[in-house]
Structure formats: C-alpha cells, structure tokens
C-alpha cells in the first residue's frame, strides 16, 4: 500500500483496536439492514471538526476490504476533504457530473490505492450546494454510480450548520451521525437528530468519535498478531 494512505488507520495499522472498531461498525451496519441491504449511506455530523470525513474514509476502506466495490462521493460542497485524505485531485468530480452529460456517461472515478475503493471528489465548488444536492440530477447521479458499485457512501456537511445533509438524507438508504466525544455539545447532537427526523431520514445510529480506549484492549489485539 502506498505511503499516501499511511494516515488512514485501517490501512496503516489494520490489526489495531481502532481498525477493529471500524470493522465492527461495518458489521453493525450490515445487521441493521438485513431485510433491505444498504446500498447508499450518508455520513454527517452535528457540527464542524468532528471527524466525519475520516470516519467515512476508514469505513469505506473496511467495506472494500470485505470484498465489495465501493464508491466514495464527497458531497461536502463547502469544505471538501476526501480528496485530501486520499491525496487525489479535485479538478473534476460531483459538480462536473451535474453540468456535463459526458461525465454522467463516464463518471470521474479516481482510484484510491485501496482495492475496490474509488472516489468521486467534490469538483469545483458551486454557489448553491443545497439546491444541487436536492435536484433531480443528483438522483440520476446516484443511480449512475450504483450501476458501478455495491455500495455508495456520501460525505455531507454538518447537519446543524446547513441544510445540505438533510436534503441529501432523503435520497439515500440510511444516515450515520458522527459525534465527537467531549467535543459535540448535547444541544447540537439533539438538534442534528431532530433535523434528520424532520425529513424522515433513516437514521441508523451514531458513531462516537475520539473515544479513549483502555490500554489493556490494545494489548489483547497486539497478542493476536
């Protein structure tokens, strides 16, 4: 695996407790939808700087490592970061597909360096993110990407800050909310949950990020190497 992915724990240290936690998250999502398997999943957070993009990137890696074809889509059209996480370009991407029919025929998929995992970066930032994500064209883009993958994962802006995530949540099978341990205010978490419920989003649960773990747990996993 290339050095550019060393900051992704599921790549750099796949046997660590944190990597195991991401695999557990993947498994829990699978069991949450036995009757109707999740094909599209949105990840958002209550507020900024809560680690949602990092959580999503690592979840995508573990999903691809399970043998599935995964497409990551950066729908944070205000502060996109997925291209930076994977050290890829952002000159074309999701917004290109909105305005260019040729990009719909041949989506701007970038290889991430992880087998089975591709990225559609945000592309040039538009003046009207919410309108774009709520458009009929966005539904067509989702359908096009689903033809090329088993699972499509979407990164969206914080749901309390702007309406983008709530708008897109109505177009996907499920939503995962990232909450930063010791960082997210309870009122923000409640407001995020309320906004998603207001649009009848399928809120699958929450990920508590940046939780300290017991050193004895690390010793247990180290013993398995």
Protein backbone atom coordinates (compact mmCIF):
# COMPACT_ATOMS: atom_id res chain seq x y z
CA UNK A 1 0.00 0.00 0.00
CA UNK A 2 1.28 3.46 -0.85
CA UNK A 3 2.65 5.89 1.71
CA UNK A 4 -0.07 8.43 0.90
CA UNK A 5 -2.57 6.28 2.81
CA UNK A 6 -0.50 5.91 5.97
CA UNK A 7 -2.72 8.37 7.86
CA UNK A 8 -5.71 6.04 7.41
CA UNK A 9 -5.54 3.72 10.41
CA UNK A 10 -7.39 0.91 8.61
CA UNK A 11 -4.56 0.88 6.06
CA UNK A 12 -1.55 1.75 8.21
CA UNK A 13 -2.45 -0.47 11.19
CA UNK A 14 -5.23 -2.88 10.20
CA UNK A 15 -4.78 -5.02 13.34
CA UNK A 16 -5.21 -2.14 15.78
CA UNK A 17 -8.23 -1.79 18.09
CA UNK A 18 -9.33 1.30 16.15
CA UNK A 19 -9.32 -0.64 12.88
CA UNK A 20 -11.27 -3.40 14.56
CA UNK A 21 -13.80 -0.79 15.71
CA UNK A 22 -14.32 0.26 12.10
CA UNK A 23 -14.87 -3.37 11.09
CA UNK A 24 -17.40 -3.68 13.92
CA UNK A 25 -19.15 -0.58 12.63
CA UNK A 26 -19.28 -2.10 9.16
CA UNK A 27 -20.76 -5.31 10.57
CA UNK A 28 -23.33 -3.43 12.67
CA UNK A 29 -24.47 -1.53 9.58
CA UNK A 30 -24.86 -4.83 7.73
CA UNK A 31 -27.01 -6.27 10.52
CA UNK A 32 -29.11 -3.10 10.75
CA UNK A 33 -30.49 -3.73 7.28
CA UNK A 34 -30.84 -7.48 6.78
CA UNK A 35 -34.20 -7.20 5.02
CA UNK A 36 -33.04 -4.42 2.72
CA UNK A 37 -29.24 -4.21 2.33
CA UNK A 38 -27.79 -0.71 2.46
CA UNK A 39 -26.59 0.40 -0.94
CA UNK A 40 -26.36 4.12 -0.22
CA UNK A 41 -25.21 5.61 3.08
CA UNK A 42 -24.78 9.24 4.11
CA UNK A 43 -22.37 10.26 6.87
CA UNK A 44 -22.75 13.64 8.54
CA UNK A 45 -22.05 15.26 11.90
CA UNK A 46 -23.71 17.73 14.23
CA UNK A 47 -21.03 20.40 13.81
CA UNK A 48 -17.69 21.02 12.11
CA UNK A 49 -14.36 19.43 13.03
CA UNK A 50 -15.91 16.24 14.43
CA UNK A 51 -14.04 13.81 12.19
CA UNK A 52 -16.89 12.69 9.93
CA UNK A 53 -14.76 12.53 6.77
CA UNK A 54 -12.05 10.47 8.49
CA UNK A 55 -14.67 8.11 9.91
CA UNK A 56 -16.25 7.73 6.49
CA UNK A 57 -12.91 7.14 4.75
CA UNK A 58 -11.96 4.37 7.17
CA UNK A 59 -15.42 2.81 6.96
CA UNK A 60 -15.07 2.82 3.17
CA UNK A 61 -11.69 1.08 3.40
CA UNK A 62 -13.02 -1.70 5.66
CA UNK A 63 -16.05 -2.15 3.40
CA UNK A 64 -13.79 -2.53 0.37
CA UNK A 65 -11.55 -4.90 2.33
CA UNK A 66 -14.62 -7.10 2.81
CA UNK A 67 -14.68 -7.66 -0.95
CA UNK A 68 -17.24 -5.08 -2.03
CA UNK A 69 -16.96 -2.47 -4.76
CA UNK A 70 -17.26 0.89 -3.02
CA UNK A 71 -17.58 4.42 -4.36
CA UNK A 72 -16.99 7.35 -2.02
CA UNK A 73 -18.67 10.63 -3.01
CA UNK A 74 -17.66 13.95 -1.50
CA UNK A 75 -20.93 15.87 -1.17
CA UNK A 76 -19.45 18.41 1.23
CA UNK A 77 -19.56 21.15 -1.39
CA UNK A 78 -18.45 23.77 1.13
CA UNK A 79 -15.33 22.23 2.72
CA UNK A 80 -14.48 19.04 0.82
CA UNK A 81 -11.70 16.93 2.33
CA UNK A 82 -11.90 13.38 0.95
CA UNK A 83 -9.56 14.16 -1.95
CA UNK A 84 -7.00 15.42 0.58
CA UNK A 85 -7.34 12.30 2.74
CA UNK A 86 -6.52 10.12 -0.27
CA UNK A 87 -4.05 12.63 -1.81
CA UNK A 88 -6.06 12.91 -5.03
CA UNK A 89 -7.06 15.72 -7.38
CA UNK A 90 -10.24 17.77 -7.14
CA UNK A 91 -10.39 19.50 -10.51
CA UNK A 92 -13.35 17.36 -11.62
CA UNK A 93 -15.89 15.43 -9.58
CA UNK A 94 -19.51 15.51 -8.44
CA UNK A 95 -20.25 19.01 -9.71
CA UNK A 96 -18.79 18.04 -13.09
CA UNK A 97 -21.39 15.30 -13.33
CA UNK A 98 -24.11 17.86 -12.63
CA UNK A 99 -23.28 20.04 -15.62
CA UNK A 100 -21.60 17.63 -18.05
CA UNK A 101 -23.52 14.77 -19.68
CA UNK A 102 -20.24 13.17 -20.76
CA UNK A 103 -19.26 12.86 -17.08
CA UNK A 104 -22.53 11.02 -16.48
CA UNK A 105 -21.58 8.52 -19.19
CA UNK A 106 -18.06 8.17 -17.80
CA UNK A 107 -18.01 9.28 -14.14
CA UNK A 108 -14.80 10.91 -12.85
CA UNK A 109 -13.84 7.97 -10.63
CA UNK A 110 -10.38 8.06 -9.07
CA UNK A 111 -8.57 5.01 -7.73
CA UNK A 112 -7.71 5.48 -4.06
CA UNK A 113 -4.92 2.92 -3.75
CA UNK A 114 -7.27 0.58 -1.87
CA UNK A 115 -8.52 -2.31 -3.98
CA UNK A 116 -12.23 -1.97 -4.69
CA UNK A 117 -12.47 1.63 -3.47
CA UNK A 118 -12.91 4.62 -5.80
CA UNK A 119 -13.58 8.29 -5.12
CA UNK A 120 -15.73 10.92 -6.77
CA UNK A 121 -14.35 14.15 -5.32
CA UNK A 122 -16.50 17.25 -4.96
CA UNK A 123 -15.17 19.01 -8.05
CA UNK A 124 -15.36 22.83 -8.36
CA UNK A 125 -17.48 24.28 -5.56
CA UNK A 126 -20.90 25.61 -6.66
CA UNK A 127 -22.72 28.71 -5.37
CA UNK A 128 -25.84 26.68 -4.46
CA UNK A 129 -24.89 23.38 -2.76
CA UNK A 130 -28.30 22.67 -1.20
CA UNK A 131 -30.17 23.15 -4.47
CA UNK A 132 -27.69 20.94 -6.29
CA UNK A 133 -27.93 18.11 -3.76
CA UNK A 134 -31.72 18.28 -3.75
CA UNK A 135 -32.05 18.25 -7.52
CA UNK A 136 -33.38 15.52 -9.79
CA UNK A 137 -29.92 15.41 -11.36
CA UNK A 138 -28.49 14.24 -8.03
CA UNK A 139 -30.88 11.30 -8.04
CA UNK A 140 -29.67 10.43 -11.54
CA UNK A 141 -26.05 10.64 -10.38
CA UNK A 142 -26.75 8.24 -7.50
CA UNK A 143 -28.37 5.79 -9.92
CA UNK A 144 -25.38 6.00 -12.30
CA UNK A 145 -22.90 5.33 -9.50
CA UNK A 146 -24.94 2.41 -8.15
CA UNK A 147 -24.52 0.71 -11.52
CA UNK A 148 -20.76 0.68 -10.87
CA UNK A 149 -20.59 -0.29 -7.20
CA UNK A 150 -22.09 -2.48 -4.49
CA UNK A 151 -22.15 0.41 -2.03
CA UNK A 152 -22.04 4.20 -2.49
CA UNK A 153 -21.01 6.27 0.54
CA UNK A 154 -21.64 10.02 0.76
CA UNK A 155 -19.86 12.65 2.85
CA UNK A 156 -22.11 15.63 3.68
CA UNK A 157 -21.61 18.88 5.62
CA UNK A 158 -22.64 19.13 9.29
CA UNK A 159 -26.42 18.86 9.50
CA UNK A 160 -26.90 21.64 12.05
CA UNK A 161 -24.83 24.20 10.15
CA UNK A 162 -26.52 23.95 6.73
CA UNK A 163 -29.42 22.11 5.08
CA UNK A 164 -27.29 20.09 2.63
CA UNK A 165 -27.17 16.88 4.68
CA UNK A 166 -30.90 16.92 5.47
CA UNK A 167 -31.71 17.41 1.78
CA UNK A 168 -29.47 14.55 0.66
CA UNK A 169 -30.63 12.30 3.51
CA UNK A 170 -33.98 11.88 1.76
CA UNK A 171 -32.27 10.28 -1.25
CA UNK A 172 -30.22 7.53 0.47
CA UNK A 173 -30.96 4.25 2.27
CA UNK A 174 -29.50 5.31 5.60
CA UNK A 175 -27.74 8.03 7.58
CA UNK A 176 -24.93 7.78 10.12
CA UNK A 177 -24.30 10.64 12.55
CA UNK A 178 -20.77 11.27 13.84
CA UNK A 179 -20.44 12.75 17.32
CA UNK A 180 -17.12 13.87 18.78
CA UNK A 181 -16.60 12.56 22.32
CA UNK A 182 -16.02 15.50 24.63
CA UNK A 183 -16.44 17.94 21.76
CA UNK A 184 -20.01 17.84 20.49
CA UNK A 185 -22.45 19.81 22.64
CA UNK A 186 -25.52 17.86 23.67
CA UNK A 187 -27.82 20.53 22.26
CA UNK A 188 -26.07 20.19 18.88
CA UNK A 189 -26.45 16.41 18.92
CA UNK A 190 -30.14 16.70 19.76
CA UNK A 191 -30.64 19.33 17.05
CA UNK A 192 -28.88 17.13 14.49
CA UNK A 193 -31.10 14.16 15.34
CA UNK A 194 -34.21 16.35 15.20
CA UNK A 195 -33.33 17.77 11.77
CA UNK A 196 -32.79 14.33 10.30
CA UNK A 197 -36.01 13.01 11.80
CA UNK A 198 -37.91 16.01 10.46
CA UNK A 199 -37.16 14.93 6.87
CA UNK A 200 -37.91 11.28 7.73
CA UNK A 201 -34.31 10.22 7.20
CA UNK A 202 -33.45 6.62 8.07
CA UNK A 203 -31.11 7.44 10.95
CA UNK A 204 -29.28 4.18 11.61
CA UNK A 205 -27.33 5.39 14.62
CA UNK A 206 -24.37 7.45 15.75
CA UNK A 207 -20.59 6.98 15.85
CA UNK A 208 -18.86 8.29 18.95
CA UNK A 209 -15.52 9.51 17.64
CA UNK A 210 -12.24 10.14 19.52
CA UNK A 211 -13.09 7.91 22.46
CA UNK A 212 -10.12 6.90 24.63
CA UNK A 213 -9.70 3.16 24.92
CA UNK A 214 -8.23 1.05 27.69
CA UNK A 215 -4.56 0.08 27.11
CA UNK A 216 -5.45 -3.50 28.07
CA UNK A 217 -7.60 -3.67 24.93
CA UNK A 218 -4.59 -2.74 22.82
CA UNK A 219 -2.54 -5.50 24.49
CA UNK A 220 -5.28 -8.02 23.62
CA UNK A 221 -5.21 -7.15 19.92
CA UNK A 222 -1.43 -6.99 19.87
CA UNK A 223 -1.39 -10.55 21.20
CA UNK A 224 -3.38 -11.67 18.17
CA UNK A 225 -0.74 -10.52 15.65
